[in-house]
Amino acid sequence: MRIASVLAVSTMLSACALPSEGFCTLEARASVQVSVVDARGNPQRDARVTFTLNGSPEQQALCDGSQQTQGHCDTWVTGYEQPGEYIITATSADGQRTARQSVSVGEDECHVQSQTVTLTLPD
């Protein structure tokens, strides 16, 4: 009788299979990671990076993924787990040079599909 119960439960559970990819992880993934360089490829850590998402008002990207928005940044992050159409803009510290790029961020059943963008400020 006990074996019959175990078999019945096993059969019912197999009908409710989990996704083949397994469980989703709990970390928050960056939507877009941005780096800014000059025409020679030198990092521009004092640049100002902003973005729009799906035509929303412009927002400042987060420096190195923290709450700091400007400073000596190696990378900027546009936020976490937000799919959509982004327009990323980098402006030099003196406000004289600008670079812009569009990027589309998709998602799967667990997370966004993070994108990496390098913006090159012209001379």
PDB file of N, CA and C in Angstrom:
ATOM      1  N   MET A   1       0.825  -1.192   0.000  1.00  0.00           N
ATOM      2  CA  MET A   1       0.000   0.000   0.000  1.00  0.00           C
ATOM      3  C   MET A   1       0.870   1.257   0.000  1.00  0.00           C
ATOM      4  N   ARG A   2       1.920   1.233   0.787  1.00  0.00           N
ATOM      5  CA  ARG A   2       2.804   2.388   0.874  1.00  0.00           C
ATOM      6  C   ARG A   2       3.482   2.650  -0.472  1.00  0.00           C
ATOM      7  N   ILE A   3       3.908   1.598  -1.150  1.00  0.00           N
ATOM      8  CA  ILE A   3       4.547   1.744  -2.456  1.00  0.00           C
ATOM      9  C   ILE A   3       3.556   2.315  -3.461  1.00  0.00           C
ATOM     10  N   ALA A   4       2.323   1.880  -3.412  1.00  0.00           N
ATOM     11  CA  ALA A   4       1.304   2.393  -4.328  1.00  0.00           C
ATOM     12  C   ALA A   4       1.096   3.888  -4.109  1.00  0.00           C
ATOM     13  N   SER A   5       1.109   4.336  -2.851  1.00  0.00           N
ATOM     14  CA  SER A   5       0.947   5.760  -2.546  1.00  0.00           C
ATOM     15  C   SER A   5       2.117   6.567  -3.090  1.00  0.00           C
ATOM     16  N   VAL A   6       3.319   6.055  -2.897  1.00  0.00           N
ATOM     17  CA  VAL A   6       4.511   6.749  -3.400  1.00  0.00           C
ATOM     18  C   VAL A   6       4.470   6.843  -4.920  1.00  0.00           C
ATOM     19  N   LEU A   7       4.077   5.764  -5.592  1.00  0.00           N
ATOM     20  CA  LEU A   7       3.984   5.780  -7.046  1.00  0.00           C
ATOM     21  C   LEU A   7       2.919   6.757  -7.532  1.00  0.00           C
ATOM     22  N   ALA A   8       1.806   6.812  -6.852  1.00  0.00           N
ATOM     23  CA  ALA A   8       0.733   7.724  -7.241  1.00  0.00           C
ATOM     24  C   ALA A   8       1.189   9.178  -7.095  1.00  0.00           C
ATOM     25  N   VAL A   9       1.833   9.495  -5.987  1.00  0.00           N
ATOM     26  CA  VAL A   9       2.327  10.859  -5.767  1.00  0.00           C
ATOM     27  C   VAL A   9       3.405  11.200  -6.789  1.00  0.00           C
ATOM     28  N   SER A  10       4.302  10.268  -7.065  1.00  0.00           N
ATOM     29  CA  SER A  10       5.364  10.498  -8.056  1.00  0.00           C
ATOM     30  C   SER A  10       4.783  10.777  -9.429  1.00  0.00           C
ATOM     31  N   THR A  11       3.751  10.050  -9.793  1.00  0.00           N
ATOM     32  CA  THR A  11       3.112  10.246 -11.089  1.00  0.00           C
ATOM     33  C   THR A  11       2.473  11.624 -11.168  1.00  0.00           C
ATOM     34  N   MET A  12       1.793  12.043 -10.109  1.00  0.00           N
ATOM     35  CA  MET A  12       1.160  13.359 -10.104  1.00  0.00           C
ATOM     36  C   MET A  12       2.195  14.471 -10.154  1.00  0.00           C
ATOM     37  N   LEU A  13       3.289  14.332  -9.419  1.00  0.00           N
ATOM     38  CA  LEU A  13       4.314  15.366  -9.417  1.00  0.00           C
ATOM     39  C   LEU A  13       5.016  15.478 -10.758  1.00  0.00           C
ATOM     40  N   SER A  14       5.177  14.369 -11.442  1.00  0.00           N
ATOM     41  CA  SER A  14       5.840  14.435 -12.746  1.00  0.00           C
ATOM     42  C   SER A  14       4.982  15.183 -13.763  1.00  0.00           C
ATOM     43  N   ALA A  15       3.696  15.224 -13.568  1.00  0.00           N
ATOM     44  CA  ALA A  15       2.809  15.976 -14.451  1.00  0.00           C
ATOM     45  C   ALA A  15       2.966  17.476 -14.233  1.00  0.00           C
ATOM     46  N   CYS A  16       3.475  17.864 -13.077  1.00  0.00           N
ATOM     47  CA  CYS A  16       3.708  19.274 -12.750  1.00  0.00           C
ATOM     48  C   CYS A  16       5.203  19.551 -12.813  1.00  0.00           C
ATOM     49  N   ALA A  17       5.815  19.276 -13.919  1.00  0.00           N
ATOM     50  CA  ALA A  17       7.272  19.389 -14.053  1.00  0.00           C
ATOM     51  C   ALA A  17       7.731  20.832 -13.910  1.00  0.00           C
ATOM     52  N   LEU A  18       8.927  20.988 -13.408  1.00  0.00           N
ATOM     53  CA  LEU A  18       9.556  22.296 -13.298  1.00  0.00           C
ATOM     54  C   LEU A  18      10.125  22.680 -14.654  1.00  0.00           C
ATOM     55  N   PRO A  19      10.359  23.966 -14.880  1.00  0.00           N
ATOM     56  CA  PRO A  19      10.979  24.359 -16.146  1.00  0.00           C
ATOM     57  C   PRO A  19      12.302  23.638 -16.337  1.00  0.00           C
ATOM     58  N   SER A  20      12.615  23.311 -17.574  1.00  0.00           N
ATOM     59  CA  SER A  20      13.823  22.539 -17.856  1.00  0.00           C
ATOM     60  C   SER A  20      15.091  23.287 -17.467  1.00  0.00           C
ATOM     61  N   GLU A  21      15.040  24.612 -17.394  1.00  0.00           N
ATOM     62  CA  GLU A  21      16.207  25.392 -17.026  1.00  0.00           C
ATOM     63  C   GLU A  21      16.484  25.339 -15.530  1.00  0.00           C
ATOM     64  N   GLY A  22      15.549  24.885 -14.746  1.00  0.00           N
ATOM     65  CA  GLY A  22      15.737  24.836 -13.304  1.00  0.00           C
ATOM     66  C   GLY A  22      15.164  26.066 -12.635  1.00  0.00           C
ATOM     67  N   PHE A  23      15.653  26.316 -11.453  1.00  0.00           N
ATOM     68  CA  PHE A  23      15.150  27.431 -10.658  1.00  0.00           C
ATOM     69  C   PHE A  23      15.826  28.735 -11.048  1.00  0.00           C
ATOM     70  N   CYS A  24      15.144  29.831 -10.830  1.00  0.00           N
ATOM     71  CA  CYS A  24      15.726  31.146 -11.070  1.00  0.00           C
ATOM     72  C   CYS A  24      16.620  31.520  -9.893  1.00  0.00           C
ATOM     73  N   THR A  25      17.691  32.232 -10.196  1.00  0.00           N
ATOM     74  CA  THR A  25      18.577  32.717  -9.144  1.00  0.00           C
ATOM     75  C   THR A  25      18.006  34.002  -8.563  1.00  0.00           C
ATOM     76  N   LEU A  26      18.490  34.394  -7.407  1.00  0.00           N
ATOM     77  CA  LEU A  26      17.917  35.529  -6.695  1.00  0.00           C
ATOM     78  C   LEU A  26      18.619  36.857  -6.948  1.00  0.00           C
ATOM     79  N   GLU A  27      19.801  36.846  -7.600  1.00  0.00           N
ATOM     80  CA  GLU A  27      20.511  38.113  -7.773  1.00  0.00           C
ATOM     81  C   GLU A  27      19.794  39.008  -8.774  1.00  0.00           C
ATOM     82  N   ALA A  28      19.978  40.299  -8.595  1.00  0.00           N
ATOM     83  CA  ALA A  28      19.434  41.279  -9.535  1.00  0.00           C
ATOM     84  C   ALA A  28      20.490  41.543 -10.599  1.00  0.00           C
ATOM     85  N   ARG A  29      20.102  41.457 -11.852  1.00  0.00           N
ATOM     86  CA  ARG A  29      21.051  41.655 -12.946  1.00  0.00           C
ATOM     87  C   ARG A  29      20.901  43.050 -13.537  1.00  0.00           C
ATOM     88  N   ALA A  30      22.033  43.651 -13.845  1.00  0.00           N
ATOM     89  CA  ALA A  30      22.040  44.980 -14.455  1.00  0.00           C
ATOM     90  C   ALA A  30      21.362  44.915 -15.820  1.00  0.00           C
ATOM     91  N   SER A  31      20.562  45.914 -16.110  1.00  0.00           N
ATOM     92  CA  SER A  31      19.926  45.974 -17.428  1.00  0.00           C
ATOM     93  C   SER A  31      20.968  46.304 -18.493  1.00  0.00           C
ATOM     94  N   VAL A  32      21.690  47.408 -18.295  1.00  0.00           N
ATOM     95  CA  VAL A  32      22.762  47.796 -19.215  1.00  0.00           C
ATOM     96  C   VAL A  32      23.957  48.257 -18.392  1.00  0.00           C
ATOM     97  N   GLN A  33      25.130  47.736 -18.716  1.00  0.00           N
ATOM     98  CA  GLN A  33      26.384  48.202 -18.126  1.00  0.00           C
ATOM     99  C   GLN A  33      27.074  49.059 -19.173  1.00  0.00           C
ATOM    100  N   VAL A  34      27.504  50.247 -18.766  1.00  0.00           N
ATOM    101  CA  VAL A  34      28.053  51.226 -19.698  1.00  0.00           C
ATOM    102  C   VAL A  34      29.473  51.593 -19.295  1.00  0.00           C
ATOM    103  N   SER A  35      30.363  51.643 -20.266  1.00  0.00           N
ATOM    104  CA  SER A  35      31.683  52.230 -20.046  1.00  0.00           C
ATOM    105  C   SER A  35      31.848  53.352 -21.063  1.00  0.00           C
ATOM    106  N   VAL A  36      32.680  54.334 -20.712  1.00  0.00           N
ATOM    107  CA  VAL A  36      32.885  55.499 -21.569  1.00  0.00           C
ATOM    108  C   VAL A  36      34.382  55.662 -21.799  1.00  0.00           C
ATOM    109  N   VAL A  37      34.756  55.815 -23.061  1.00  0.00           N
ATOM    110  CA  VAL A  37      36.159  56.004 -23.429  1.00  0.00           C
ATOM    111  C   VAL A  37      36.278  57.191 -24.383  1.00  0.00           C
ATOM    112  N   ASP A  38      37.521  57.688 -24.541  1.00  0.00           N
ATOM    113  CA  ASP A  38      37.757  58.716 -25.549  1.00  0.00           C
ATOM    114  C   ASP A  38      38.122  58.040 -26.865  1.00  0.00           C
ATOM    115  N   ALA A  39      38.445  58.833 -27.873  1.00  0.00           N
ATOM    116  CA  ALA A  39      38.732  58.289 -29.201  1.00  0.00           C
ATOM    117  C   ALA A  39      39.966  57.387 -29.210  1.00  0.00           C
ATOM    118  N   ARG A  40      40.841  57.513 -28.220  1.00  0.00           N
ATOM    119  CA  ARG A  40      42.033  56.668 -28.121  1.00  0.00           C
ATOM    120  C   ARG A  40      41.808  55.450 -27.234  1.00  0.00           C
ATOM    121  N   GLY A  41      40.592  55.303 -26.704  1.00  0.00           N
ATOM    122  CA  GLY A  41      40.272  54.149 -25.867  1.00  0.00           C
ATOM    123  C   GLY A  41      40.557  54.336 -24.394  1.00  0.00           C
ATOM    124  N   ASN A  42      40.910  55.561 -23.988  1.00  0.00           N
ATOM    125  CA  ASN A  42      41.174  55.831 -22.573  1.00  0.00           C
ATOM    126  C   ASN A  42      39.864  55.994 -21.813  1.00  0.00           C
ATOM    127  N   PRO A  43      39.735  55.353 -20.650  1.00  0.00           N
ATOM    128  CA  PRO A  43      38.505  55.485 -19.861  1.00  0.00           C
ATOM    129  C   PRO A  43      38.234  56.948 -19.498  1.00  0.00           C
ATOM    130  N   GLN A  44      36.984  57.327 -19.550  1.00  0.00           N
ATOM    131  CA  GLN A  44      36.552  58.678 -19.177  1.00  0.00           C
ATOM    132  C   GLN A  44      35.710  58.575 -17.915  1.00  0.00           C
ATOM    133  N   ARG A  45      36.376  58.400 -16.794  1.00  0.00           N
ATOM    134  CA  ARG A  45      35.706  58.111 -15.524  1.00  0.00           C
ATOM    135  C   ARG A  45      34.892  59.274 -14.971  1.00  0.00           C
ATOM    136  N   ASP A  46      35.134  60.474 -15.470  1.00  0.00           N
ATOM    137  CA  ASP A  46      34.386  61.628 -14.968  1.00  0.00           C
ATOM    138  C   ASP A  46      33.231  62.030 -15.888  1.00  0.00           C
ATOM    139  N   ALA A  47      32.904  61.182 -16.847  1.00  0.00           N
ATOM    140  CA  ALA A  47      31.786  61.474 -17.757  1.00  0.00           C
ATOM    141  C   ALA A  47      30.461  61.439 -16.989  1.00  0.00           C
ATOM    142  N   ARG A  48      29.450  62.004 -17.602  1.00  0.00           N
ATOM    143  CA  ARG A  48      28.087  61.951 -17.062  1.00  0.00           C
ATOM    144  C   ARG A  48      27.294  61.021 -17.973  1.00  0.00           C
ATOM    145  N   VAL A  49      26.668  60.006 -17.397  1.00  0.00           N
ATOM    146  CA  VAL A  49      25.918  59.025 -18.183  1.00  0.00           C
ATOM    147  C   VAL A  49      24.450  59.079 -17.777  1.00  0.00           C
ATOM    148  N   THR A  50      23.593  59.238 -18.767  1.00  0.00           N
ATOM    149  CA  THR A  50      22.149  59.263 -18.538  1.00  0.00           C
ATOM    150  C   THR A  50      21.493  58.270 -19.491  1.00  0.00           C
ATOM    151  N   PHE A  51      20.216  57.997 -19.228  1.00  0.00           N
ATOM    152  CA  PHE A  51      19.485  57.078 -20.099  1.00  0.00           C
ATOM    153  C   PHE A  51      18.001  57.371 -20.041  1.00  0.00           C
ATOM    154  N   THR A  52      17.315  56.930 -21.087  1.00  0.00           N
ATOM    155  CA  THR A  52      15.858  56.889 -21.068  1.00  0.00           C
ATOM    156  C   THR A  52      15.458  55.440 -21.298  1.00  0.00           C
ATOM    157  N   LEU A  53      14.342  55.059 -20.743  1.00  0.00           N
ATOM    158  CA  LEU A  53      13.805  53.709 -20.895  1.00  0.00           C
ATOM    159  C   LEU A  53      12.401  53.814 -21.460  1.00  0.00           C
ATOM    160  N   ASN A  54      12.205  53.265 -22.649  1.00  0.00           N
ATOM    161  CA  ASN A  54      10.896  53.279 -23.314  1.00  0.00           C
ATOM    162  C   ASN A  54      10.319  54.687 -23.415  1.00  0.00           C
ATOM    163  N   GLY A  55      11.184  55.671 -23.685  1.00  0.00           N
ATOM    164  CA  GLY A  55      10.722  57.043 -23.861  1.00  0.00           C
ATOM    165  C   GLY A  55      10.438  57.793 -22.578  1.00  0.00           C
ATOM    166  N   SER A  56      10.784  57.227 -21.437  1.00  0.00           N
ATOM    167  CA  SER A  56      10.545  57.886 -20.147  1.00  0.00           C
ATOM    168  C   SER A  56      11.484  59.081 -19.985  1.00  0.00           C
ATOM    169  N   PRO A  57      11.276  59.911 -18.965  1.00  0.00           N
ATOM    170  CA  PRO A  57      12.193  61.026 -18.715  1.00  0.00           C
ATOM    171  C   PRO A  57      13.625  60.527 -18.481  1.00  0.00           C
ATOM    172  N   GLU A  58      14.577  61.380 -18.796  1.00  0.00           N
ATOM    173  CA  GLU A  58      15.989  61.038 -18.639  1.00  0.00           C
ATOM    174  C   GLU A  58      16.331  60.804 -17.168  1.00  0.00           C
ATOM    175  N   GLN A  59      17.153  59.785 -16.937  1.00  0.00           N
ATOM    176  CA  GLN A  59      17.613  59.444 -15.585  1.00  0.00           C
ATOM    177  C   GLN A  59      19.128  59.334 -15.591  1.00  0.00           C
ATOM    178  N   GLN A  60      19.754  59.555 -14.437  1.00  0.00           N
ATOM    179  CA  GLN A  60      21.195  59.364 -14.338  1.00  0.00           C
ATOM    180  C   GLN A  60      21.499  57.907 -14.052  1.00  0.00           C
ATOM    181  N   ALA A  61      22.504  57.384 -14.740  1.00  0.00           N
ATOM    182  CA  ALA A  61      22.952  56.012 -14.498  1.00  0.00           C
ATOM    183  C   ALA A  61      23.725  55.968 -13.183  1.00  0.00           C
ATOM    184  N   LEU A  62      23.789  54.790 -12.586  1.00  0.00           N
ATOM    185  CA  LEU A  62      24.454  54.601 -11.299  1.00  0.00           C
ATOM    186  C   LEU A  62      25.926  54.280 -11.515  1.00  0.00           C
ATOM    187  N   CYS A  63      26.791  54.994 -10.810  1.00  0.00           N
ATOM    188  CA  CYS A  63      28.234  54.784 -10.906  1.00  0.00           C
ATOM    189  C   CYS A  63      28.612  53.468 -10.242  1.00  0.00           C
ATOM    190  N   ASP A  64      29.245  52.587 -11.003  1.00  0.00           N
ATOM    191  CA  ASP A  64      29.676  51.276 -10.500  1.00  0.00           C
ATOM    192  C   ASP A  64      28.548  50.505  -9.823  1.00  0.00           C
ATOM    193  N   GLY A  65      27.311  50.782 -10.225  1.00  0.00           N
ATOM    194  CA  GLY A  65      26.163  50.057  -9.697  1.00  0.00           C
ATOM    195  C   GLY A  65      25.708  50.503  -8.323  1.00  0.00           C
ATOM    196  N   SER A  66      26.337  51.557  -7.767  1.00  0.00           N
ATOM    197  CA  SER A  66      25.948  52.031  -6.435  1.00  0.00           C
ATOM    198  C   SER A  66      24.981  53.197  -6.580  1.00  0.00           C
ATOM    199  N   GLN A  67      24.643  53.828  -5.491  1.00  0.00           N
ATOM    200  CA  GLN A  67      23.735  54.971  -5.542  1.00  0.00           C
ATOM    201  C   GLN A  67      24.426  56.238  -6.030  1.00  0.00           C
ATOM    202  N   GLN A  68      25.758  56.233  -6.066  1.00  0.00           N
ATOM    203  CA  GLN A  68      26.504  57.377  -6.569  1.00  0.00           C
ATOM    204  C   GLN A  68      26.252  57.489  -8.066  1.00  0.00           C
ATOM    205  N   THR A  69      25.977  58.687  -8.561  1.00  0.00           N
ATOM    206  CA  THR A  69      25.673  58.836  -9.977  1.00  0.00           C
ATOM    207  C   THR A  69      26.821  59.430 -10.772  1.00  0.00           C
ATOM    208  N   GLN A  70      27.735  60.122 -10.123  1.00  0.00           N
ATOM    209  CA  GLN A  70      28.854  60.707 -10.836  1.00  0.00           C
ATOM    210  C   GLN A  70      30.111  60.540 -10.003  1.00  0.00           C
ATOM    211  N   GLY A  71      31.242  60.725 -10.639  1.00  0.00           N
ATOM    212  CA  GLY A  71      32.507  60.592  -9.933  1.00  0.00           C
ATOM    213  C   GLY A  71      33.476  59.807 -10.769  1.00  0.00           C
ATOM    214  N   HIS A  72      34.336  59.104 -10.143  1.00  0.00           N
ATOM    215  CA  HIS A  72      35.360  58.325 -10.839  1.00  0.00           C
ATOM    216  C   HIS A  72      34.819  56.921 -11.081  1.00  0.00           C
ATOM    217  N   CYS A  73      34.055  56.774 -12.141  1.00  0.00           N
ATOM    218  CA  CYS A  73      33.356  55.522 -12.426  1.00  0.00           C
ATOM    219  C   CYS A  73      34.105  54.693 -13.463  1.00  0.00           C
ATOM    220  N   ASP A  74      34.192  53.408 -13.214  1.00  0.00           N
ATOM    221  CA  ASP A  74      34.695  52.488 -14.233  1.00  0.00           C
ATOM    222  C   ASP A  74      33.562  52.070 -15.156  1.00  0.00           C
ATOM    223  N   THR A  75      32.401  51.827 -14.570  1.00  0.00           N
ATOM    224  CA  THR A  75      31.205  51.478 -15.336  1.00  0.00           C
ATOM    225  C   THR A  75      29.999  52.144 -14.693  1.00  0.00           C
ATOM    226  N   TRP A  76      28.978  52.303 -15.493  1.00  0.00           N
ATOM    227  CA  TRP A  76      27.701  52.815 -15.013  1.00  0.00           C
ATOM    228  C   TRP A  76      26.655  51.750 -15.282  1.00  0.00           C
ATOM    229  N   VAL A  77      25.591  51.761 -14.490  1.00  0.00           N
ATOM    230  CA  VAL A  77      24.502  50.799 -14.630  1.00  0.00           C
ATOM    231  C   VAL A  77      23.197  51.576 -14.764  1.00  0.00           C
ATOM    232  N   THR A  78      22.335  51.139 -15.681  1.00  0.00           N
ATOM    233  CA  THR A  78      21.057  51.828 -15.906  1.00  0.00           C
ATOM    234  C   THR A  78      19.951  51.345 -14.981  1.00  0.00           C
ATOM    235  N   GLY A  79      20.285  50.537 -14.022  1.00  0.00           N
ATOM    236  CA  GLY A  79      19.281  49.967 -13.133  1.00  0.00           C
ATOM    237  C   GLY A  79      19.309  48.457 -13.256  1.00  0.00           C
ATOM    238  N   TYR A  80      18.399  47.823 -12.588  1.00  0.00           N
ATOM    239  CA  TYR A  80      18.407  46.367 -12.503  1.00  0.00           C
ATOM    240  C   TYR A  80      17.061  45.783 -12.911  1.00  0.00           C
ATOM    241  N   GLU A  81      17.132  44.706 -13.673  1.00  0.00           N
ATOM    242  CA  GLU A  81      15.953  43.911 -14.043  1.00  0.00           C
ATOM    243  C   GLU A  81      14.853  44.734 -14.711  1.00  0.00           C
ATOM    244  N   GLN A  82      15.246  45.657 -15.603  1.00  0.00           N
ATOM    245  CA  GLN A  82      14.272  46.469 -16.328  1.00  0.00           C
ATOM    246  C   GLN A  82      14.460  46.259 -17.836  1.00  0.00           C
ATOM    247  N   PRO A  83      13.651  45.405 -18.457  1.00  0.00           N
ATOM    248  CA  PRO A  83      13.756  45.223 -19.904  1.00  0.00           C
ATOM    249  C   PRO A  83      13.161  46.416 -20.640  1.00  0.00           C
ATOM    250  N   GLY A  84      13.532  46.575 -21.888  1.00  0.00           N
ATOM    251  CA  GLY A  84      12.942  47.632 -22.698  1.00  0.00           C
ATOM    252  C   GLY A  84      13.940  48.253 -23.645  1.00  0.00           C
ATOM    253  N   GLU A  85      13.525  49.376 -24.222  1.00  0.00           N
ATOM    254  CA  GLU A  85      14.338  50.110 -25.196  1.00  0.00           C
ATOM    255  C   GLU A  85      15.029  51.272 -24.485  1.00  0.00           C
ATOM    256  N   TYR A  86      16.347  51.237 -24.496  1.00  0.00           N
ATOM    257  CA  TYR A  86      17.156  52.252 -23.826  1.00  0.00           C
ATOM    258  C   TYR A  86      17.832  53.154 -24.848  1.00  0.00           C
ATOM    259  N   ILE A  87      17.961  54.422 -24.497  1.00  0.00           N
ATOM    260  CA  ILE A  87      18.864  55.333 -25.192  1.00  0.00           C
ATOM    261  C   ILE A  87      19.848  55.804 -24.132  1.00  0.00           C
ATOM    262  N   ILE A  88      21.120  55.455 -24.329  1.00  0.00           N
ATOM    263  CA  ILE A  88      22.173  55.765 -23.373  1.00  0.00           C
ATOM    264  C   ILE A  88      22.956  56.954 -23.919  1.00  0.00           C
ATOM    265  N   THR A  89      23.219  57.949 -23.075  1.00  0.00           N
ATOM    266  CA  THR A  89      23.978  59.131 -23.480  1.00  0.00           C
ATOM    267  C   THR A  89      25.115  59.360 -22.505  1.00  0.00           C
ATOM    268  N   ALA A  90      26.309  59.578 -23.046  1.00  0.00           N
ATOM    269  CA  ALA A  90      27.467  59.953 -22.228  1.00  0.00           C
ATOM    270  C   ALA A  90      27.903  61.345 -22.654  1.00  0.00           C
ATOM    271  N   THR A  91      28.198  62.185 -21.669  1.00  0.00           N
ATOM    272  CA  THR A  91      28.667  63.541 -21.921  1.00  0.00           C
ATOM    273  C   THR A  91      29.962  63.743 -21.156  1.00  0.00           C
ATOM    274  N   SER A  92      30.933  64.366 -21.799  1.00  0.00           N
ATOM    275  CA  SER A  92      32.210  64.624 -21.135  1.00  0.00           C
ATOM    276  C   SER A  92      32.004  65.543 -19.939  1.00  0.00           C
ATOM    277  N   ALA A  93      32.961  65.538 -19.016  1.00  0.00           N
ATOM    278  CA  ALA A  93      32.853  66.344 -17.799  1.00  0.00           C
ATOM    279  C   ALA A  93      32.703  67.830 -18.123  1.00  0.00           C
ATOM    280  N   ASP A  94      33.324  68.287 -19.214  1.00  0.00           N
ATOM    281  CA  ASP A  94      33.215  69.701 -19.579  1.00  0.00           C
ATOM    282  C   ASP A  94      31.956  69.997 -20.400  1.00  0.00           C
ATOM    283  N   GLY A  95      31.177  68.970 -20.706  1.00  0.00           N
ATOM    284  CA  GLY A  95      29.926  69.141 -21.434  1.00  0.00           C
ATOM    285  C   GLY A  95      30.084  69.384 -22.923  1.00  0.00           C
ATOM    286  N   GLN A  96      31.295  69.270 -23.455  1.00  0.00           N
ATOM    287  CA  GLN A  96      31.560  69.596 -24.853  1.00  0.00           C
ATOM    288  C   GLN A  96      31.401  68.423 -25.817  1.00  0.00           C
ATOM    289  N   ARG A  97      31.518  67.197 -25.319  1.00  0.00           N
ATOM    290  CA  ARG A  97      31.473  66.020 -26.194  1.00  0.00           C
ATOM    291  C   ARG A  97      30.382  65.068 -25.725  1.00  0.00           C
ATOM    292  N   THR A  98      29.668  64.483 -26.685  1.00  0.00           N
ATOM    293  CA  THR A  98      28.558  63.586 -26.362  1.00  0.00           C
ATOM    294  C   THR A  98      28.581  62.371 -27.287  1.00  0.00           C
ATOM    295  N   ALA A  99      28.209  61.235 -26.724  1.00  0.00           N
ATOM    296  CA  ALA A  99      28.015  60.012 -27.507  1.00  0.00           C
ATOM    297  C   ALA A  99      26.694  59.399 -27.071  1.00  0.00           C
ATOM    298  N   ARG A 100      26.009  58.767 -28.018  1.00  0.00           N
ATOM    299  CA  ARG A 100      24.682  58.211 -27.720  1.00  0.00           C
ATOM    300  C   ARG A 100      24.527  56.878 -28.443  1.00  0.00           C
ATOM    301  N   GLN A 101      23.833  55.951 -27.797  1.00  0.00           N
ATOM    302  CA  GLN A 101      23.565  54.649 -28.427  1.00  0.00           C
ATOM    303  C   GLN A 101      22.242  54.099 -27.922  1.00  0.00           C
ATOM    304  N   SER A 102      21.508  53.456 -28.823  1.00  0.00           N
ATOM    305  CA  SER A 102      20.275  52.754 -28.460  1.00  0.00           C
ATOM    306  C   SER A 102      20.604  51.296 -28.216  1.00  0.00           C
ATOM    307  N   VAL A 103      19.906  50.694 -27.281  1.00  0.00           N
ATOM    308  CA  VAL A 103      20.091  49.270 -27.005  1.00  0.00           C
ATOM    309  C   VAL A 103      18.768  48.693 -26.517  1.00  0.00           C
ATOM    310  N   SER A 104      18.494  47.480 -26.939  1.00  0.00           N
ATOM    311  CA  SER A 104      17.282  46.781 -26.529  1.00  0.00           C
ATOM    312  C   SER A 104      17.652  45.706 -25.513  1.00  0.00           C
ATOM    313  N   VAL A 105      16.952  45.689 -24.390  1.00  0.00           N
ATOM    314  CA  VAL A 105      17.198  44.705 -23.332  1.00  0.00           C
ATOM    315  C   VAL A 105      15.998  43.771 -23.258  1.00  0.00           C
ATOM    316  N   GLY A 106      16.243  42.508 -23.522  1.00  0.00           N
ATOM    317  CA  GLY A 106      15.192  41.499 -23.433  1.00  0.00           C
ATOM    318  C   GLY A 106      15.195  40.836 -22.070  1.00  0.00           C
ATOM    319  N   GLU A 107      14.340  39.850 -21.935  1.00  0.00           N
ATOM    320  CA  GLU A 107      14.272  39.117 -20.674  1.00  0.00           C
ATOM    321  C   GLU A 107      13.859  37.684 -20.956  1.00  0.00           C
ATOM    322  N   ASP A 108      14.216  36.803 -20.029  1.00  0.00           N
ATOM    323  CA  ASP A 108      13.724  35.434 -20.088  1.00  0.00           C
ATOM    324  C   ASP A 108      12.816  35.233 -18.888  1.00  0.00           C
ATOM    325  N   GLU A 109      12.523  34.000 -18.553  1.00  0.00           N
ATOM    326  CA  GLU A 109      11.584  33.763 -17.455  1.00  0.00           C
ATOM    327  C   GLU A 109      12.139  34.150 -16.091  1.00  0.00           C
ATOM    328  N   CYS A 110      13.443  34.404 -16.005  1.00  0.00           N
ATOM    329  CA  CYS A 110      14.053  34.722 -14.710  1.00  0.00           C
ATOM    330  C   CYS A 110      14.633  36.126 -14.623  1.00  0.00           C
ATOM    331  N   HIS A 111      15.359  36.553 -15.632  1.00  0.00           N
ATOM    332  CA  HIS A 111      16.121  37.802 -15.548  1.00  0.00           C
ATOM    333  C   HIS A 111      16.125  38.532 -16.878  1.00  0.00           C
ATOM    334  N   VAL A 112      16.594  39.804 -16.809  1.00  0.00           N
ATOM    335  CA  VAL A 112      16.863  40.520 -18.052  1.00  0.00           C
ATOM    336  C   VAL A 112      18.090  39.904 -18.710  1.00  0.00           C
ATOM    337  N   GLN A 113      18.208  40.119 -19.989  1.00  0.00           N
ATOM    338  CA  GLN A 113      19.402  39.700 -20.726  1.00  0.00           C
ATOM    339  C   GLN A 113      20.309  40.924 -20.802  1.00  0.00           C
ATOM    340  N   SER A 114      21.184  41.046 -19.801  1.00  0.00           N
ATOM    341  CA  SER A 114      22.045  42.221 -19.641  1.00  0.00           C
ATOM    342  C   SER A 114      22.794  42.549 -20.923  1.00  0.00           C
ATOM    343  N   GLN A 115      22.916  43.839 -21.178  1.00  0.00           N
ATOM    344  CA  GLN A 115      23.666  44.327 -22.334  1.00  0.00           C
ATOM    345  C   GLN A 115      24.863  45.142 -21.839  1.00  0.00           C
ATOM    346  N   THR A 116      25.941  45.124 -22.606  1.00  0.00           N
ATOM    347  CA  THR A 116      27.131  45.912 -22.304  1.00  0.00           C
ATOM    348  C   THR A 116      27.351  46.891 -23.444  1.00  0.00           C
ATOM    349  N   VAL A 117      27.546  48.160 -23.098  1.00  0.00           N
ATOM    350  CA  VAL A 117      27.710  49.216 -24.093  1.00  0.00           C
ATOM    351  C   VAL A 117      28.980  49.993 -23.770  1.00  0.00           C
ATOM    352  N   THR A 118      29.779  50.277 -24.792  1.00  0.00           N
ATOM    353  CA  THR A 118      30.915  51.187 -24.652  1.00  0.00           C
ATOM    354  C   THR A 118      30.642  52.391 -25.535  1.00  0.00           C
ATOM    355  N   LEU A 119      30.575  53.562 -24.908  1.00  0.00           N
ATOM    356  CA  LEU A 119      30.358  54.798 -25.647  1.00  0.00           C
ATOM    357  C   LEU A 119      31.697  55.500 -25.822  1.00  0.00           C
ATOM    358  N   THR A 120      31.977  55.945 -27.036  1.00  0.00           N
ATOM    359  CA  THR A 120      33.233  56.625 -27.341  1.00  0.00           C
ATOM    360  C   THR A 120      32.964  58.107 -27.564  1.00  0.00           C
ATOM    361  N   LEU A 121      33.540  58.934 -26.699  1.00  0.00           N
ATOM    362  CA  LEU A 121      33.402  60.376 -26.844  1.00  0.00           C
ATOM    363  C   LEU A 121      34.352  60.851 -27.944  1.00  0.00           C
ATOM    364  N   PRO A 122      33.867  61.659 -28.880  1.00  0.00           N
ATOM    365  CA  PRO A 122      34.735  62.136 -29.967  1.00  0.00           C
ATOM    366  C   PRO A 122      35.763  63.138 -29.437  1.00  0.00           C
ATOM    367  N   ASP A 123      36.818  63.338 -30.237  1.00  0.00           N
ATOM    368  CA  ASP A 123      37.832  64.354 -29.873  1.00  0.00           C
ATOM    369  C   ASP A 123      37.297  65.741 -30.085  1.00  0.00           C
TER     370      ASP A 123
END
